[in-house]
N, C-alpha and C. Protein backbone atom coordinates (compact mmCIF):
# COMPACT_ATOMS: atom_id res chain seq x y z
N MET A 1 228.27 34.66 161.09
CA MET A 1 229.11 35.67 161.73
C MET A 1 228.35 36.26 162.92
N ILE A 2 229.03 36.44 164.04
CA ILE A 2 228.40 36.98 165.24
C ILE A 2 228.50 38.50 165.20
N GLN A 3 227.36 39.14 165.38
CA GLN A 3 227.32 40.60 165.41
C GLN A 3 227.51 41.09 166.84
N PRO A 4 228.24 42.18 167.05
CA PRO A 4 228.39 42.71 168.42
C PRO A 4 227.05 43.22 168.92
N ASP A 5 226.81 43.00 170.19
CA ASP A 5 225.59 43.47 170.83
C ASP A 5 225.62 44.99 170.89
N ALA A 6 224.50 45.63 170.57
CA ALA A 6 224.43 47.10 170.55
C ALA A 6 224.73 47.67 171.93
N ASP A 7 224.30 46.98 172.99
CA ASP A 7 224.57 47.47 174.35
C ASP A 7 226.05 47.48 174.66
N SER A 8 226.80 46.49 174.18
CA SER A 8 228.22 46.44 174.47
C SER A 8 228.96 47.57 173.78
N VAL A 9 228.52 47.95 172.59
CA VAL A 9 229.15 49.06 171.88
C VAL A 9 228.91 50.35 172.64
N ASP A 10 227.66 50.57 173.09
CA ASP A 10 227.35 51.77 173.86
C ASP A 10 228.11 51.77 175.18
N GLY A 11 228.25 50.60 175.79
CA GLY A 11 228.98 50.50 177.05
C GLY A 11 230.42 50.94 176.91
N CYS A 12 231.05 50.56 175.82
CA CYS A 12 232.45 50.96 175.59
C CYS A 12 232.53 52.46 175.39
N SER A 13 231.57 53.01 174.68
CA SER A 13 231.54 54.45 174.45
C SER A 13 231.42 55.20 175.77
N ALA A 14 230.56 54.71 176.65
CA ALA A 14 230.38 55.36 177.96
C ALA A 14 231.66 55.28 178.77
N MET A 15 232.36 54.15 178.69
CA MET A 15 233.62 54.02 179.43
C MET A 15 234.65 55.02 178.91
N ASP A 16 234.72 55.20 177.60
CA ASP A 16 235.67 56.16 177.03
C ASP A 16 235.35 57.57 177.50
N GLU A 17 234.07 57.94 177.52
CA GLU A 17 233.69 59.27 177.98
C GLU A 17 234.06 59.47 179.44
N ARG A 18 233.88 58.43 180.25
CA ARG A 18 234.20 58.53 181.66
C ARG A 18 235.69 58.75 181.86
N ARG A 19 236.50 58.09 181.06
CA ARG A 19 237.95 58.25 181.19
C ARG A 19 238.41 59.64 180.76
N GLU A 20 237.68 60.26 179.86
CA GLU A 20 238.09 61.56 179.33
C GLU A 20 237.62 62.73 180.18
N ARG A 21 236.71 62.46 181.13
CA ARG A 21 236.24 63.54 181.99
C ARG A 21 237.39 64.11 182.80
N PRO A 22 237.46 65.42 182.95
CA PRO A 22 238.53 65.99 183.78
C PRO A 22 238.31 65.62 185.24
N ARG A 23 239.39 65.42 185.94
CA ARG A 23 239.31 65.08 187.35
C ARG A 23 238.94 66.31 188.16
N ARG A 24 237.99 66.14 189.06
CA ARG A 24 237.56 67.26 189.91
C ARG A 24 238.55 67.45 191.04
N LEU A 25 238.91 68.69 191.31
CA LEU A 25 239.82 68.97 192.41
C LEU A 25 239.14 68.68 193.73
N ARG A 26 239.90 68.10 194.64
CA ARG A 26 239.39 67.89 195.99
C ARG A 26 239.79 69.09 196.82
N GLN A 27 238.84 69.69 197.47
CA GLN A 27 239.13 70.82 198.34
C GLN A 27 238.90 70.39 199.77
N GLY A 28 239.84 70.69 200.62
CA GLY A 28 239.72 70.23 202.00
C GLY A 28 240.30 71.21 202.98
N ARG A 29 240.23 70.80 204.24
CA ARG A 29 240.79 71.59 205.34
C ARG A 29 241.93 70.80 205.95
N ARG A 30 243.04 71.49 206.18
CA ARG A 30 244.17 70.83 206.84
C ARG A 30 243.95 70.95 208.34
N LEU A 31 244.00 69.82 209.04
CA LEU A 31 243.82 69.80 210.48
C LEU A 31 245.16 70.08 211.16
N SER A 32 245.09 70.35 212.45
CA SER A 32 246.30 70.69 213.20
C SER A 32 247.33 69.56 213.22
N ASP A 33 246.87 68.31 213.02
CA ASP A 33 247.81 67.19 213.00
C ASP A 33 248.42 66.95 211.61
N GLY A 34 248.10 67.80 210.64
CA GLY A 34 248.67 67.70 209.30
C GLY A 34 247.80 66.94 208.32
N THR A 35 246.80 66.21 208.81
CA THR A 35 245.92 65.48 207.91
C THR A 35 244.95 66.44 207.24
N VAL A 36 244.29 65.98 206.17
CA VAL A 36 243.38 66.82 205.39
C VAL A 36 242.01 66.17 205.37
N VAL A 37 240.96 66.96 205.63
CA VAL A 37 239.59 66.46 205.60
C VAL A 37 238.86 67.09 204.43
N VAL A 38 238.23 66.24 203.62
CA VAL A 38 237.40 66.68 202.50
C VAL A 38 235.98 66.27 202.84
N VAL A 39 235.06 67.24 202.87
CA VAL A 39 233.68 66.95 203.25
C VAL A 39 232.72 67.27 202.11
N SER A 40 231.59 66.57 202.10
CA SER A 40 230.49 66.85 201.17
C SER A 40 229.27 67.19 202.02
N HIS A 41 228.44 68.09 201.51
CA HIS A 41 227.25 68.53 202.23
C HIS A 41 225.99 68.13 201.49
N ASP A 42 224.91 67.93 202.25
CA ASP A 42 223.62 67.67 201.63
C ASP A 42 222.94 69.00 201.31
N ASP A 43 221.72 68.94 200.81
CA ASP A 43 221.00 70.15 200.41
C ASP A 43 220.70 71.08 201.58
N GLU A 44 220.70 70.55 202.80
CA GLU A 44 220.41 71.36 203.99
C GLU A 44 221.68 71.87 204.66
N GLY A 45 222.83 71.62 204.07
CA GLY A 45 224.09 72.13 204.59
C GLY A 45 224.76 71.24 205.62
N ARG A 46 224.21 70.07 205.89
CA ARG A 46 224.82 69.16 206.86
C ARG A 46 225.91 68.34 206.17
N VAL A 47 226.93 68.01 206.93
CA VAL A 47 228.00 67.16 206.41
C VAL A 47 227.43 65.76 206.26
N ASN A 48 227.49 65.20 205.05
CA ASN A 48 226.97 63.85 204.85
C ASN A 48 228.06 62.86 204.44
N HIS A 49 229.27 63.34 204.16
CA HIS A 49 230.37 62.45 203.79
C HIS A 49 231.67 63.16 204.11
N ALA A 50 232.59 62.46 204.76
CA ALA A 50 233.88 63.05 205.10
C ALA A 50 234.97 62.02 204.89
N ILE A 51 236.05 62.46 204.25
CA ILE A 51 237.21 61.59 204.04
C ILE A 51 238.42 62.32 204.61
N ARG A 52 239.18 61.62 205.46
CA ARG A 52 240.39 62.20 206.05
C ARG A 52 241.59 61.52 205.41
N TYR A 53 242.49 62.34 204.83
CA TYR A 53 243.69 61.86 204.13
C TYR A 53 244.92 62.17 204.97
N ASP A 54 246.01 61.46 204.68
CA ASP A 54 247.28 61.81 205.30
C ASP A 54 247.76 63.14 204.70
N ALA A 55 248.86 63.66 205.20
CA ALA A 55 249.33 64.98 204.78
C ALA A 55 249.61 65.07 203.28
N SER A 56 249.99 63.97 202.65
CA SER A 56 250.28 63.98 201.22
C SER A 56 249.02 63.85 200.36
N MET A 57 247.89 63.56 200.99
CA MET A 57 246.60 63.32 200.34
C MET A 57 246.65 62.12 199.41
N GLU A 58 247.55 61.18 199.67
CA GLU A 58 247.64 59.97 198.85
C GLU A 58 246.95 58.78 199.50
N HIS A 59 246.79 58.80 200.82
CA HIS A 59 246.22 57.66 201.52
C HIS A 59 245.02 58.09 202.36
N VAL A 60 243.94 57.32 202.24
CA VAL A 60 242.74 57.57 203.04
C VAL A 60 242.94 56.98 204.43
N LEU A 61 242.77 57.81 205.45
CA LEU A 61 242.91 57.34 206.83
C LEU A 61 241.56 57.01 207.45
N GLU A 62 240.51 57.73 207.01
CA GLU A 62 239.20 57.55 207.61
C GLU A 62 238.15 58.02 206.62
N GLU A 63 237.02 57.31 206.58
CA GLU A 63 235.91 57.72 205.74
C GLU A 63 234.64 57.56 206.54
N LEU A 64 233.88 58.63 206.66
CA LEU A 64 232.65 58.62 207.45
C LEU A 64 231.47 59.07 206.59
N GLU A 65 230.29 58.54 206.90
CA GLU A 65 229.08 58.94 206.20
C GLU A 65 227.98 59.24 207.20
N GLY A 66 227.01 60.05 206.77
CA GLY A 66 225.81 60.31 207.55
C GLY A 66 226.08 60.99 208.87
N GLU A 67 225.41 60.48 209.92
CA GLU A 67 225.51 61.10 211.24
C GLU A 67 226.92 61.08 211.80
N ALA A 68 227.69 60.04 211.49
CA ALA A 68 229.07 59.97 211.98
C ALA A 68 229.91 61.10 211.38
N ALA A 69 229.72 61.38 210.10
CA ALA A 69 230.46 62.46 209.45
C ALA A 69 230.04 63.81 210.02
N GLU A 70 228.73 64.00 210.22
CA GLU A 70 228.22 65.26 210.79
C GLU A 70 228.76 65.47 212.20
N ALA A 71 228.78 64.41 213.00
CA ALA A 71 229.26 64.52 214.38
C ALA A 71 230.76 64.85 214.43
N ALA A 72 231.53 64.24 213.53
CA ALA A 72 232.98 64.43 213.56
C ALA A 72 233.43 65.74 212.92
N TYR A 73 232.76 66.15 211.82
CA TYR A 73 233.27 67.30 211.06
C TYR A 73 232.23 68.37 210.77
N GLY A 74 231.06 68.27 211.36
CA GLY A 74 230.03 69.28 211.18
C GLY A 74 230.35 70.55 211.96
N PRO A 75 229.52 71.58 211.85
CA PRO A 75 229.80 72.86 212.50
C PRO A 75 229.86 72.78 214.02
N GLN A 76 229.16 71.83 214.63
CA GLN A 76 229.18 71.73 216.09
C GLN A 76 230.41 70.98 216.59
N ALA A 77 231.16 70.33 215.70
CA ALA A 77 232.37 69.61 216.10
C ALA A 77 233.45 70.61 216.49
N LYS A 78 234.36 70.18 217.34
CA LYS A 78 235.48 71.03 217.76
C LYS A 78 236.29 71.43 216.53
N ASP A 79 236.54 72.72 216.35
CA ASP A 79 237.27 73.20 215.19
C ASP A 79 238.76 73.07 215.43
N GLU A 80 239.38 72.11 214.74
CA GLU A 80 240.82 71.92 214.90
C GLU A 80 241.55 72.16 213.59
N THR A 81 240.98 72.98 212.71
CA THR A 81 241.63 73.25 211.43
C THR A 81 242.68 74.33 211.59
N ASP A 82 243.62 74.30 210.69
CA ASP A 82 244.64 75.35 210.62
C ASP A 82 244.02 76.47 209.80
N PRO A 83 243.78 77.64 210.38
CA PRO A 83 243.08 78.71 209.67
C PRO A 83 243.82 79.23 208.44
N HIS A 84 245.09 78.93 208.32
CA HIS A 84 245.88 79.45 207.20
C HIS A 84 246.10 78.39 206.12
N ALA A 85 245.43 77.24 206.21
CA ALA A 85 245.75 76.15 205.29
C ALA A 85 244.51 75.58 204.60
N ASP A 86 244.08 76.23 203.54
CA ASP A 86 243.08 75.63 202.66
C ASP A 86 243.86 74.75 201.70
N VAL A 87 243.31 73.60 201.38
CA VAL A 87 244.05 72.63 200.58
C VAL A 87 243.30 72.35 199.29
N ASP A 88 243.99 72.43 198.16
CA ASP A 88 243.48 71.98 196.86
C ASP A 88 244.45 70.93 196.36
N ALA A 89 243.91 69.79 195.97
CA ALA A 89 244.81 68.73 195.46
C ALA A 89 244.20 68.12 194.22
């Protein structure tokens, strides 16, 4: 009789835990064109990852990392956000 590998049993357990984790809310800024930008910052406060979604937040339009994300959505970038529209999805 073949015994299941101990690693495969643990692997299934880890997958189950991952599926049960609650989904983290994405918080973003709505831009003047209706799209939404969600950014992540590094320990020094610089933008290191940015994802731009369509207005429904269902489709990714653009994803930037590192210097490209900082240049496009960092504090020195032109502020084109709608000041009245914080977005939680």
